Amino acid sequence: MESFDYAVFKVLANNDTGGAPGHQGGIVIPKDIADFFPPLPSVTSAENPTVEAILTADLFREGHFLETIQTRYQHQTWGGNRSPERRLTANLGPIRNVAKAGDILIFEKGVIDPMHIRIRLLPKGSQEYGEITRSNLKGGKWGLADPLNVPISINDFEDAHEQLTNSLALPFQGFAADRPRIETRNLRLARSAVFRNQVIAAYEKRCAISHEVLETPKGLVNLDAAHIIGVNMGGSDDPRNGFALSKDLHWAFDNGLISVDENRRVILSDAPSFGSNRQLARFNGAKILEASNPSYRAADDAFAWHRKTRFAQPT
């Protein structure tokens, strides 16, 4: 289940609501909080006056779940004729049609998947509205819902992406010897999200052992980016210390029921020979799926560590 980051807020203007005159559409995202929204793929230009990303959004009103939608997060210039403006622009009717000027929207993005957001509408006069405005919002029109808890920023994601991408040009390091002892919470979470995205993309959203995937119509997949040398054992976030596994196989790998041998084939402990673990038997000797980009190929040294340290060797 997705966990969500610290929140930002906006007090709605009339143009953000369904009562706006003319053809106003969507919710304007002020520049001051845009850095805490999901990153957009590029910047606008005369040749590319609008850029956008498709987000999954869970909508709530006063703590009650409404529905999950797909919405567009756009950076618009209206053909290059106006100053750039960021907007959420699609399928927001369940919130916009009941919202009024002065209501508050709370925005939170996913920690694991930053393209998954949660939007909560707090009508003016509601209990939570009063609690939020008294304790956190300090009378501003938008900003951090809690100034002491700053969400992961686009810069955090960019720094994490640069770290992990640069690591691919260096000899493989399975252990995070260079990880700071004291590291910001945001950079750590951003690096985990980037690691997941890079590894799953490298395996084209397929499990390296089963070569299969379950995927919802909204693009959610039952895959994890599995660390071969676990983070709890000091393992690094070098993408070569990871491969894509379904959630069940990730658990089996972490708990030593399966591993990968020198020939990149699946090996099993004794456990799959009995009980509910028999479902693993079909993978015995199977060749693992390799990353589509050779630069992301899981390191032999990492698998060797797993065989020696985590794998329950057959008797």
C-alpha atoms as a PDB file:
ATOM      1  CA  MET A   1       0.000   0.000   0.000  1.00  0.00           C
ATOM      2  CA  GLU A   2       1.284   3.438  -0.929  1.00  0.00           C
ATOM      3  CA  SER A   3       2.451   5.740   1.862  1.00  0.00           C
ATOM      4  CA  PHE A   4       2.216   9.485   1.336  1.00  0.00           C
ATOM      5  CA  ASP A   5       4.618  12.346   1.886  1.00  0.00           C
ATOM      6  CA  TYR A   6       4.152  15.436   4.002  1.00  0.00           C
ATOM      7  CA  ALA A   7       1.495  17.795   2.647  1.00  0.00           C
ATOM      8  CA  VAL A   8       1.191  21.158   0.933  1.00  0.00           C
ATOM      9  CA  PHE A   9      -2.028  23.166   0.805  1.00  0.00           C
ATOM     10  CA  LYS A  10      -3.881  25.744  -1.252  1.00  0.00           C
ATOM     11  CA  VAL A  11      -6.841  27.927  -0.321  1.00  0.00           C
ATOM     12  CA  LEU A  12      -9.080  27.737  -3.384  1.00  0.00           C
ATOM     13  CA  ALA A  13      -9.880  30.756  -5.522  1.00  0.00           C
ATOM     14  CA  ASN A  14     -13.210  30.857  -7.353  1.00  0.00           C
ATOM     15  CA  ASN A  15     -11.447  29.990 -10.627  1.00  0.00           C
ATOM     16  CA  ASP A  16     -10.327  26.682  -9.075  1.00  0.00           C
ATOM     17  CA  THR A  17     -13.922  25.584  -8.503  1.00  0.00           C
ATOM     18  CA  GLY A  18     -16.685  24.306 -10.751  1.00  0.00           C
ATOM     19  CA  GLY A  19     -18.474  27.634 -10.267  1.00  0.00           C
ATOM     20  CA  ALA A  20     -15.857  29.539 -12.280  1.00  0.00           C
ATOM     21  CA  PRO A  21     -17.320  31.495 -15.228  1.00  0.00           C
ATOM     22  CA  GLY A  22     -16.551  30.734 -18.855  1.00  0.00           C
ATOM     23  CA  HIS A  23     -14.270  27.861 -19.738  1.00  0.00           C
ATOM     24  CA  GLN A  24     -11.941  27.918 -16.742  1.00  0.00           C
ATOM     25  CA  GLY A  25     -10.703  24.398 -16.139  1.00  0.00           C
ATOM     26  CA  GLY A  26      -8.653  22.740 -13.475  1.00  0.00           C
ATOM     27  CA  ILE A  27      -6.823  23.880 -10.382  1.00  0.00           C
ATOM     28  CA  VAL A  28      -3.891  26.297 -10.543  1.00  0.00           C
ATOM     29  CA  ILE A  29      -0.782  25.086  -8.685  1.00  0.00           C
ATOM     30  CA  PRO A  30       1.213  28.090  -7.430  1.00  0.00           C
ATOM     31  CA  LYS A  31       4.913  28.155  -8.188  1.00  0.00           C
ATOM     32  CA  ASP A  32       5.747  28.237  -4.456  1.00  0.00           C
ATOM     33  CA  ILE A  33       4.386  24.707  -3.926  1.00  0.00           C
ATOM     34  CA  ALA A  34       5.056  23.258  -7.404  1.00  0.00           C
ATOM     35  CA  ASP A  35       8.501  22.066  -6.299  1.00  0.00           C
ATOM     36  CA  PHE A  36       6.758  19.592  -3.995  1.00  0.00           C
ATOM     37  CA  PHE A  37       4.537  18.161  -6.740  1.00  0.00           C
ATOM     38  CA  PRO A  38       5.593  15.305  -9.047  1.00  0.00           C
ATOM     39  CA  PRO A  39       8.233  16.336 -11.598  1.00  0.00           C
ATOM     40  CA  LEU A  40       7.158  17.203 -15.133  1.00  0.00           C
ATOM     41  CA  PRO A  41       9.042  15.625 -18.061  1.00  0.00           C
ATOM     42  CA  SER A  42      10.540  18.835 -19.492  1.00  0.00           C
ATOM     43  CA  VAL A  43      10.261  22.614 -19.535  1.00  0.00           C
ATOM     44  CA  THR A  44       8.084  24.660 -21.870  1.00  0.00           C
ATOM     45  CA  SER A  45       9.446  26.344 -24.977  1.00  0.00           C
ATOM     46  CA  ALA A  46       8.142  27.988 -28.131  1.00  0.00           C
ATOM     47  CA  GLU A  47       8.236  24.571 -29.823  1.00  0.00           C
ATOM     48  CA  ASN A  48       6.729  22.783 -26.817  1.00  0.00           C
ATOM     49  CA  PRO A  49       4.380  25.273 -25.111  1.00  0.00           C
ATOM     50  CA  THR A  50       2.668  22.689 -22.867  1.00  0.00           C
ATOM     51  CA  VAL A  51       4.211  19.743 -21.039  1.00  0.00           C
ATOM     52  CA  GLU A  52       2.266  17.297 -18.907  1.00  0.00           C
ATOM     53  CA  ALA A  53       2.375  14.189 -16.771  1.00  0.00           C
ATOM     54  CA  ILE A  54      -0.487  11.784 -16.072  1.00  0.00           C
ATOM     55  CA  LEU A  55      -1.044  11.311 -12.348  1.00  0.00           C
ATOM     56  CA  THR A  56      -3.165   8.869 -10.378  1.00  0.00           C
ATOM     57  CA  ALA A  57      -5.126  10.832  -7.770  1.00  0.00           C
ATOM     58  CA  ASP A  58      -7.162   9.592  -4.803  1.00  0.00           C
ATOM     59  CA  LEU A  59      -9.879  12.145  -4.040  1.00  0.00           C
ATOM     60  CA  PHE A  60     -11.273  12.787  -0.554  1.00  0.00           C
ATOM     61  CA  ARG A  61     -13.803  15.198   0.937  1.00  0.00           C
ATOM     62  CA  GLU A  62     -13.676  15.722   4.718  1.00  0.00           C
ATOM     63  CA  GLY A  63     -11.900  12.399   5.187  1.00  0.00           C
ATOM     64  CA  HIS A  64     -14.342  10.436   3.017  1.00  0.00           C
ATOM     65  CA  PHE A  65     -12.911   8.681  -0.031  1.00  0.00           C
ATOM     66  CA  LEU A  66     -14.653   9.683  -3.285  1.00  0.00           C
ATOM     67  CA  GLU A  67     -12.806   7.886  -6.093  1.00  0.00           C
ATOM     68  CA  THR A  68      -9.467   7.319  -7.786  1.00  0.00           C
ATOM     69  CA  ILE A  69      -8.948   9.169 -11.070  1.00  0.00           C
ATOM     70  CA  GLN A  70      -6.339   9.851 -13.719  1.00  0.00           C
ATOM     71  CA  THR A  71      -5.590  13.559 -14.016  1.00  0.00           C
ATOM     72  CA  ARG A  72      -3.247  15.700 -16.097  1.00  0.00           C
ATOM     73  CA  TYR A  73      -0.625  17.818 -14.401  1.00  0.00           C
ATOM     74  CA  GLN A  74       0.287  20.457 -16.975  1.00  0.00           C
ATOM     75  CA  HIS A  75       2.739  23.293 -17.330  1.00  0.00           C
ATOM     76  CA  GLN A  76       0.956  25.586 -19.801  1.00  0.00           C
ATOM     77  CA  THR A  77       1.836  28.716 -21.754  1.00  0.00           C
ATOM     78  CA  TRP A  78      -1.232  28.781 -24.034  1.00  0.00           C
ATOM     79  CA  GLY A  79       0.835  28.550 -27.182  1.00  0.00           C
ATOM     80  CA  GLY A  80       3.632  30.610 -25.683  1.00  0.00           C
ATOM     81  CA  ASN A  81       1.402  33.683 -25.366  1.00  0.00           C
ATOM     82  CA  ARG A  82       1.162  33.792 -21.547  1.00  0.00           C
ATOM     83  CA  SER A  83       3.392  33.283 -18.532  1.00  0.00           C
ATOM     84  CA  PRO A  84       3.779  29.600 -17.648  1.00  0.00           C
ATOM     85  CA  GLU A  85       1.176  28.233 -15.259  1.00  0.00           C
ATOM     86  CA  ARG A  86       0.863  24.821 -13.648  1.00  0.00           C
ATOM     87  CA  ARG A  87      -2.569  23.203 -13.477  1.00  0.00           C
ATOM     88  CA  LEU A  88      -4.310  19.951 -12.660  1.00  0.00           C
ATOM     89  CA  THR A  89      -6.819  19.728 -15.471  1.00  0.00           C
ATOM     90  CA  ALA A  90      -8.732  16.455 -15.863  1.00  0.00           C
ATOM     91  CA  ASN A  91     -11.405  14.403 -14.067  1.00  0.00           C
ATOM     92  CA  LEU A  92     -11.491  16.598 -10.952  1.00  0.00           C
ATOM     93  CA  GLY A  93     -15.271  17.099 -11.017  1.00  0.00           C
ATOM     94  CA  PRO A  94     -15.937  15.119  -7.809  1.00  0.00           C
ATOM     95  CA  ILE A  95     -13.972  17.802  -5.939  1.00  0.00           C
ATOM     96  CA  ARG A  96     -14.284  20.931  -8.110  1.00  0.00           C
ATOM     97  CA  ASN A  97     -18.056  20.660  -8.491  1.00  0.00           C
ATOM     98  CA  VAL A  98     -18.637  20.798  -4.731  1.00  0.00           C
ATOM     99  CA  ALA A  99     -15.765  23.130  -3.789  1.00  0.00           C
ATOM    100  CA  LYS A 100     -16.238  26.813  -3.032  1.00  0.00           C
ATOM    101  CA  ALA A 101     -13.833  29.728  -2.917  1.00  0.00           C
ATOM    102  CA  GLY A 102     -12.073  29.701   0.445  1.00  0.00           C
ATOM    103  CA  ASP A 103     -12.109  25.923   0.845  1.00  0.00           C
ATOM    104  CA  ILE A 104      -8.731  24.247   1.326  1.00  0.00           C
ATOM    105  CA  LEU A 105      -7.131  21.528  -0.776  1.00  0.00           C
ATOM    106  CA  ILE A 106      -4.438  19.374   0.815  1.00  0.00           C
ATOM    107  CA  PHE A 107      -2.013  17.712  -1.634  1.00  0.00           C
ATOM    108  CA  GLU A 108       0.204  14.730  -0.791  1.00  0.00           C
ATOM    109  CA  LYS A 109       2.304  12.670  -3.211  1.00  0.00           C
ATOM    110  CA  GLY A 110       3.314   9.040  -2.897  1.00  0.00           C
ATOM    111  CA  VAL A 111       6.634   8.224  -1.287  1.00  0.00           C
ATOM    112  CA  ILE A 112       7.161   5.072  -3.375  1.00  0.00           C
ATOM    113  CA  ASP A 113       5.418   6.366  -6.502  1.00  0.00           C
ATOM    114  CA  PRO A 114       5.505  10.187  -6.716  1.00  0.00           C
ATOM    115  CA  MET A 115       3.113  10.057  -9.698  1.00  0.00           C
ATOM    116  CA  HIS A 116       0.399   8.896  -7.283  1.00  0.00           C
ATOM    117  CA  ILE A 117      -1.113  11.784  -5.330  1.00  0.00           C
ATOM    118  CA  ARG A 118      -3.840  12.275  -2.765  1.00  0.00           C
ATOM    119  CA  ILE A 119      -6.091  15.363  -2.850  1.00  0.00           C
ATOM    120  CA  ARG A 120      -8.231  16.171   0.184  1.00  0.00           C
ATOM    121  CA  LEU A 121     -10.933  18.850   0.116  1.00  0.00           C
ATOM    122  CA  LEU A 122     -11.610  20.603   3.435  1.00  0.00           C
ATOM    123  CA  PRO A 123     -14.743  22.775   3.139  1.00  0.00           C
ATOM    124  CA  LYS A 124     -14.578  26.089   4.928  1.00  0.00           C
ATOM    125  CA  GLY A 125     -16.203  25.749   8.312  1.00  0.00           C
ATOM    126  CA  SER A 126     -15.579  22.010   8.655  1.00  0.00           C
ATOM    127  CA  GLN A 127     -13.854  20.702  11.775  1.00  0.00           C
ATOM    128  CA  GLU A 128     -10.635  19.697  10.025  1.00  0.00           C
ATOM    129  CA  TYR A 129     -10.533  23.040   8.194  1.00  0.00           C
ATOM    130  CA  GLY A 130     -10.536  24.823  11.526  1.00  0.00           C
ATOM    131  CA  GLU A 131      -7.903  22.535  12.996  1.00  0.00           C
ATOM    132  CA  ILE A 132      -5.603  22.978  10.002  1.00  0.00           C
ATOM    133  CA  THR A 133      -5.905  26.747   9.821  1.00  0.00           C
ATOM    134  CA  ARG A 134      -5.349  27.217  13.541  1.00  0.00           C
ATOM    135  CA  SER A 135      -2.341  24.926  13.837  1.00  0.00           C
ATOM    136  CA  ASN A 136      -0.453  25.053  10.545  1.00  0.00           C
ATOM    137  CA  LEU A 137      -1.496  27.399   7.768  1.00  0.00           C
ATOM    138  CA  LYS A 138      -0.743  30.723   9.453  1.00  0.00           C
ATOM    139  CA  GLY A 139      -3.185  32.624   7.244  1.00  0.00           C
ATOM    140  CA  GLY A 140      -1.325  32.052   3.962  1.00  0.00           C
ATOM    141  CA  LYS A 141      -3.032  31.212   0.670  1.00  0.00           C
ATOM    142  CA  TRP A 142      -0.715  28.276  -0.052  1.00  0.00           C
ATOM    143  CA  GLY A 143       2.405  26.609   1.306  1.00  0.00           C
ATOM    144  CA  LEU A 144       3.569  23.802   3.577  1.00  0.00           C
ATOM    145  CA  ALA A 145       0.810  22.289   5.673  1.00  0.00           C
ATOM    146  CA  ASP A 146       3.403  21.876   8.433  1.00  0.00           C
ATOM    147  CA  PRO A 147       6.546  24.049   8.094  1.00  0.00           C
ATOM    148  CA  LEU A 148       8.482  21.603  10.285  1.00  0.00           C
ATOM    149  CA  ASN A 149       7.830  18.711   7.881  1.00  0.00           C
ATOM    150  CA  VAL A 150       8.958  19.542   4.362  1.00  0.00           C
ATOM    151  CA  PRO A 151       7.931  17.150   1.541  1.00  0.00           C
ATOM    152  CA  ILE A 152      10.381  15.600  -0.898  1.00  0.00           C
ATOM    153  CA  SER A 153      11.148  18.179  -3.581  1.00  0.00           C
ATOM    154  CA  ILE A 154      11.888  17.908  -7.281  1.00  0.00           C
ATOM    155  CA  ASN A 155      15.485  18.856  -6.438  1.00  0.00           C
ATOM    156  CA  ASP A 156      15.667  15.873  -4.066  1.00  0.00           C
ATOM    157  CA  PHE A 157      14.544  13.553  -6.880  1.00  0.00           C
ATOM    158  CA  GLU A 158      16.989  15.141  -9.321  1.00  0.00           C
ATOM    159  CA  ASP A 159      19.874  14.750  -6.866  1.00  0.00           C
ATOM    160  CA  ALA A 160      18.935  11.111  -6.228  1.00  0.00           C
ATOM    161  CA  HIS A 161      18.626  10.396  -9.955  1.00  0.00           C
ATOM    162  CA  GLU A 162      22.054  11.930 -10.575  1.00  0.00           C
ATOM    163  CA  GLN A 163      23.620   9.863  -7.769  1.00  0.00           C
ATOM    164  CA  LEU A 164      22.228   6.560  -9.017  1.00  0.00           C
ATOM    165  CA  THR A 165      22.904   7.246 -12.688  1.00  0.00           C
ATOM    166  CA  ASN A 166      26.484   8.315 -11.966  1.00  0.00           C
ATOM    167  CA  SER A 167      27.065   5.127  -9.953  1.00  0.00           C
ATOM    168  CA  LEU A 168      26.598   3.072 -13.143  1.00  0.00           C
ATOM    169  CA  ALA A 169      29.800   4.562 -14.593  1.00  0.00           C
ATOM    170  CA  LEU A 170      31.826   3.324 -11.609  1.00  0.00           C
ATOM    171  CA  PRO A 171      32.903  -0.186 -10.575  1.00  0.00           C
ATOM    172  CA  PHE A 172      30.070  -1.937  -8.779  1.00  0.00           C
ATOM    173  CA  GLN A 173      29.900  -1.310  -5.049  1.00  0.00           C
ATOM    174  CA  GLY A 174      27.476  -3.636  -3.312  1.00  0.00           C
ATOM    175  CA  PHE A 175      27.745  -1.890   0.017  1.00  0.00           C
ATOM    176  CA  ALA A 176      26.939   1.743   0.682  1.00  0.00           C
ATOM    177  CA  ALA A 177      30.280   2.704   2.190  1.00  0.00           C
ATOM    178  CA  ASP A 178      29.887   6.266   0.932  1.00  0.00           C
ATOM    179  CA  ARG A 179      26.348   6.757   2.324  1.00  0.00           C
ATOM    180  CA  PRO A 180      26.438   9.572   4.887  1.00  0.00           C
ATOM    181  CA  ARG A 181      25.886   8.461   8.456  1.00  0.00           C
ATOM    182  CA  ILE A 182      23.456  11.322   8.850  1.00  0.00           C
ATOM    183  CA  GLU A 183      21.326  11.667   5.754  1.00  0.00           C
ATOM    184  CA  THR A 184      18.263  13.753   5.186  1.00  0.00           C
ATOM    185  CA  ARG A 185      15.012  11.858   5.286  1.00  0.00           C
ATOM    186  CA  ASN A 186      14.002  13.369   1.931  1.00  0.00           C
ATOM    187  CA  LEU A 187      17.113  12.349   0.010  1.00  0.00           C
ATOM    188  CA  ARG A 188      16.901   8.815   1.410  1.00  0.00           C
ATOM    189  CA  LEU A 189      13.262   8.447   0.338  1.00  0.00           C
ATOM    190  CA  ALA A 190      13.903  10.100  -3.027  1.00  0.00           C
ATOM    191  CA  ARG A 191      16.762   7.685  -3.710  1.00  0.00           C
ATOM    192  CA  SER A 192      14.541   4.715  -2.804  1.00  0.00           C
ATOM    193  CA  ALA A 193      11.871   5.934  -5.229  1.00  0.00           C
ATOM    194  CA  VAL A 194      14.407   6.519  -8.018  1.00  0.00           C
ATOM    195  CA  PHE A 195      15.978   3.092  -7.395  1.00  0.00           C
ATOM    196  CA  ARG A 196      12.552   1.474  -7.733  1.00  0.00           C
ATOM    197  CA  ASN A 197      11.674   3.372 -10.896  1.00  0.00           C
ATOM    198  CA  GLN A 198      15.012   2.735 -12.589  1.00  0.00           C
ATOM    199  CA  VAL A 199      15.094  -0.985 -11.776  1.00  0.00           C
ATOM    200  CA  ILE A 200      11.487  -1.712 -12.772  1.00  0.00           C
ATOM    201  CA  ALA A 201      11.927   0.273 -15.997  1.00  0.00           C
ATOM    202  CA  ALA A 202      15.134  -1.649 -16.770  1.00  0.00           C
ATOM    203  CA  TYR A 203      13.156  -4.907 -16.587  1.00  0.00           C
ATOM    204  CA  GLU A 204      10.339  -3.419 -18.679  1.00  0.00           C
ATOM    205  CA  LYS A 205       7.873  -3.997 -15.850  1.00  0.00           C
ATOM    206  CA  ARG A 206       8.352  -7.783 -15.745  1.00  0.00           C
ATOM    207  CA  CYS A 207       9.477 -10.039 -12.930  1.00  0.00           C
ATOM    208  CA  ALA A 208      13.044 -11.291 -13.534  1.00  0.00           C
ATOM    209  CA  ILE A 209      12.172 -14.793 -12.286  1.00  0.00           C
ATOM    210  CA  SER A 210       8.621 -15.448 -13.507  1.00  0.00           C
ATOM    211  CA  HIS A 211       8.922 -13.107 -16.538  1.00  0.00           C
ATOM    212  CA  GLU A 212       5.332 -12.126 -15.729  1.00  0.00           C
ATOM    213  CA  VAL A 213       3.483  -9.201 -14.185  1.00  0.00           C
ATOM    214  CA  LEU A 214       0.050  -8.328 -12.884  1.00  0.00           C
ATOM    215  CA  GLU A 215      -1.016  -4.823 -13.882  1.00  0.00           C
ATOM    216  CA  THR A 216      -4.176  -2.827 -13.246  1.00  0.00           C
ATOM    217  CA  PRO A 217      -5.838  -0.720 -15.969  1.00  0.00           C
ATOM    218  CA  LYS A 218      -4.362   2.302 -14.170  1.00  0.00           C
ATOM    219  CA  GLY A 219      -0.816   0.992 -14.548  1.00  0.00           C
ATOM    220  CA  LEU A 220      -0.159  -0.286 -11.020  1.00  0.00           C
ATOM    221  CA  VAL A 221       2.046  -3.403 -11.030  1.00  0.00           C
ATOM    222  CA  ASN A 222       2.727  -6.125  -8.467  1.00  0.00           C
ATOM    223  CA  LEU A 223       6.500  -5.592  -8.734  1.00  0.00           C
ATOM    224  CA  ASP A 224       9.196  -4.542  -6.324  1.00  0.00           C
ATOM    225  CA  ALA A 225      12.711  -3.368  -7.032  1.00  0.00           C
ATOM    226  CA  ALA A 226      14.439  -5.988  -4.881  1.00  0.00           C
ATOM    227  CA  HIS A 227      17.827  -5.170  -3.363  1.00  0.00           C
ATOM    228  CA  ILE A 228      20.052  -8.227  -3.773  1.00  0.00           C
ATOM    229  CA  ILE A 229      22.255  -7.143  -0.870  1.00  0.00           C
ATOM    230  CA  GLY A 230      19.566  -5.812   1.435  1.00  0.00           C
ATOM    231  CA  VAL A 231      19.611  -2.232   2.663  1.00  0.00           C
ATOM    232  CA  ASN A 232      19.304  -3.562   6.218  1.00  0.00           C
ATOM    233  CA  MET A 233      22.612  -5.381   5.619  1.00  0.00           C
ATOM    234  CA  GLY A 234      24.317  -2.237   4.323  1.00  0.00           C
ATOM    235  CA  GLY A 235      23.474  -2.811   0.658  1.00  0.00           C
ATOM    236  CA  SER A 236      23.793   0.083  -1.756  1.00  0.00           C
ATOM    237  CA  ASP A 237      21.187   1.690  -4.010  1.00  0.00           C
ATOM    238  CA  ASP A 238      23.373   1.069  -7.058  1.00  0.00           C
ATOM    239  CA  PRO A 239      20.782  -0.162  -9.613  1.00  0.00           C
ATOM    240  CA  ARG A 240      23.047  -3.180 -10.278  1.00  0.00           C
ATOM    241  CA  ASN A 241      22.280  -4.253  -6.714  1.00  0.00           C
ATOM    242  CA  GLY A 242      18.673  -4.777  -7.737  1.00  0.00           C
ATOM    243  CA  PHE A 243      16.335  -6.646 -10.011  1.00  0.00           C
ATOM    244  CA  ALA A 244      12.575  -6.643 -10.508  1.00  0.00           C
ATOM    245  CA  LEU A 245      10.585  -9.285  -8.631  1.00  0.00           C
ATOM    246  CA  SER A 246       6.927  -9.912  -7.962  1.00  0.00           C
ATOM    247  CA  LYS A 247       6.052  -9.297  -4.328  1.00  0.00           C
ATOM    248  CA  ASP A 248       5.818 -13.007  -3.437  1.00  0.00           C
ATOM    249  CA  LEU A 249       9.122 -13.840  -5.106  1.00  0.00           C
ATOM    250  CA  HIS A 250      10.765 -10.818  -3.486  1.00  0.00           C
ATOM    251  CA  TRP A 251       9.746 -12.223  -0.088  1.00  0.00           C
ATOM    252  CA  ALA A 252      11.027 -15.681  -1.031  1.00  0.00           C
ATOM    253  CA  PHE A 253      14.340 -14.192  -2.214  1.00  0.00           C
ATOM    254  CA  ASP A 254      14.837 -12.076   0.909  1.00  0.00           C
ATOM    255  CA  ASN A 255      14.116 -15.090   3.118  1.00  0.00           C
ATOM    256  CA  GLY A 256      16.514 -17.445   1.355  1.00  0.00           C
ATOM    257  CA  LEU A 257      14.020 -19.785  -0.323  1.00  0.00           C
ATOM    258  CA  ILE A 258      15.426 -18.936  -3.756  1.00  0.00           C
ATOM    259  CA  SER A 259      18.612 -17.466  -5.164  1.00  0.00           C
ATOM    260  CA  VAL A 260      20.487 -17.093  -8.471  1.00  0.00           C
ATOM    261  CA  ASP A 261      23.531 -19.200  -9.370  1.00  0.00           C
ATOM    262  CA  GLU A 262      26.722 -18.402 -11.315  1.00  0.00           C
ATOM    263  CA  ASN A 263      24.940 -19.182 -14.596  1.00  0.00           C
ATOM    264  CA  ARG A 264      22.126 -16.700 -13.810  1.00  0.00           C
ATOM    265  CA  ARG A 265      19.630 -19.492 -13.169  1.00  0.00           C
ATOM    266  CA  VAL A 266      17.195 -19.819 -10.288  1.00  0.00           C
ATOM    267  CA  ILE A 267      18.147 -22.231  -7.520  1.00  0.00           C
ATOM    268  CA  LEU A 268      15.906 -23.445  -4.698  1.00  0.00           C
ATOM    269  CA  SER A 269      16.431 -24.410  -1.094  1.00  0.00           C
ATOM    270  CA  ASP A 270      14.853 -27.615   0.281  1.00  0.00           C
ATOM    271  CA  ALA A 271      11.762 -25.690   1.390  1.00  0.00           C
ATOM    272  CA  PRO A 272       9.867 -25.776  -1.968  1.00  0.00           C
ATOM    273  CA  SER A 273       9.701 -29.582  -1.735  1.00  0.00           C
ATOM    274  CA  PHE A 274       6.901 -29.463   0.781  1.00  0.00           C
ATOM    275  CA  GLY A 275       3.751 -27.605   1.790  1.00  0.00           C
ATOM    276  CA  SER A 276       2.720 -24.269   0.385  1.00  0.00           C
ATOM    277  CA  ASN A 277       6.196 -23.603  -1.023  1.00  0.00           C
ATOM    278  CA  ARG A 278       5.697 -26.119  -3.839  1.00  0.00           C
ATOM    279  CA  GLN A 279       4.646 -23.285  -6.128  1.00  0.00           C
ATOM    280  CA  LEU A 280       8.342 -22.289  -6.313  1.00  0.00           C
ATOM    281  CA  ALA A 281       9.362 -25.590  -7.904  1.00  0.00           C
ATOM    282  CA  ARG A 282       8.401 -24.433 -11.391  1.00  0.00           C
ATOM    283  CA  PHE A 283      11.158 -21.817 -11.309  1.00  0.00           C
ATOM    284  CA  ASN A 284      13.976 -24.270 -10.523  1.00  0.00           C
ATOM    285  CA  GLY A 285      16.727 -23.887 -13.132  1.00  0.00           C
ATOM    286  CA  ALA A 286      14.939 -21.081 -14.993  1.00  0.00           C
ATOM    287  CA  LYS A 287      17.122 -18.441 -16.590  1.00  0.00           C
ATOM    288  CA  ILE A 288      16.484 -15.041 -15.094  1.00  0.00           C
ATOM    289  CA  LEU A 289      15.299 -12.168 -17.243  1.00  0.00           C
ATOM    290  CA  GLU A 290      18.083  -9.646 -17.709  1.00  0.00           C
ATOM    291  CA  ALA A 291      17.754  -5.854 -17.706  1.00  0.00           C
ATOM    292  CA  SER A 292      17.010  -4.496 -21.172  1.00  0.00           C
ATOM    293  CA  ASN A 293      19.867  -1.993 -20.756  1.00  0.00           C
ATOM    294  CA  PRO A 294      23.128  -3.881 -20.039  1.00  0.00           C
ATOM    295  CA  SER A 295      24.283  -1.036 -17.791  1.00  0.00           C
ATOM    296  CA  TYR A 296      21.589  -2.091 -15.299  1.00  0.00           C
ATOM    297  CA  ARG A 297      22.472  -5.800 -15.355  1.00  0.00           C
ATOM    298  CA  ALA A 298      22.385  -7.217 -11.813  1.00  0.00           C
ATOM    299  CA  ALA A 299      25.930  -7.748 -10.530  1.00  0.00           C
ATOM    300  CA  ASP A 300      27.355 -11.263 -10.219  1.00  0.00           C
ATOM    301  CA  ASP A 301      29.065 -10.195  -6.979  1.00  0.00           C
ATOM    302  CA  ALA A 302      25.707  -9.266  -5.475  1.00  0.00           C
ATOM    303  CA  PHE A 303      24.194 -12.665  -6.299  1.00  0.00           C
ATOM    304  CA  ALA A 304      27.311 -14.378  -4.900  1.00  0.00           C
ATOM    305  CA  TRP A 305      26.825 -12.482  -1.623  1.00  0.00           C
ATOM    306  CA  HIS A 306      23.161 -13.536  -1.524  1.00  0.00           C
ATOM    307  CA  ARG A 307      24.002 -17.234  -2.100  1.00  0.00           C
ATOM    308  CA  LYS A 308      26.595 -17.173   0.666  1.00  0.00           C
ATOM    309  CA  THR A 309      24.723 -15.031   3.198  1.00  0.00           C
ATOM    310  CA  ARG A 310      20.976 -15.369   2.691  1.00  0.00           C
ATOM    311  CA  PHE A 311      20.304 -18.554   0.748  1.00  0.00           C
ATOM    312  CA  ALA A 312      19.231 -21.659   2.670  1.00  0.00           C
ATOM    313  CA  GLN A 313      21.506 -24.174   0.964  1.00  0.00           C
ATOM    314  CA  PRO A 314      19.866 -27.552   0.183  1.00  0.00           C
ATOM    315  CA  THR A 315      20.900 -30.362   2.494  1.00  0.00           C
END
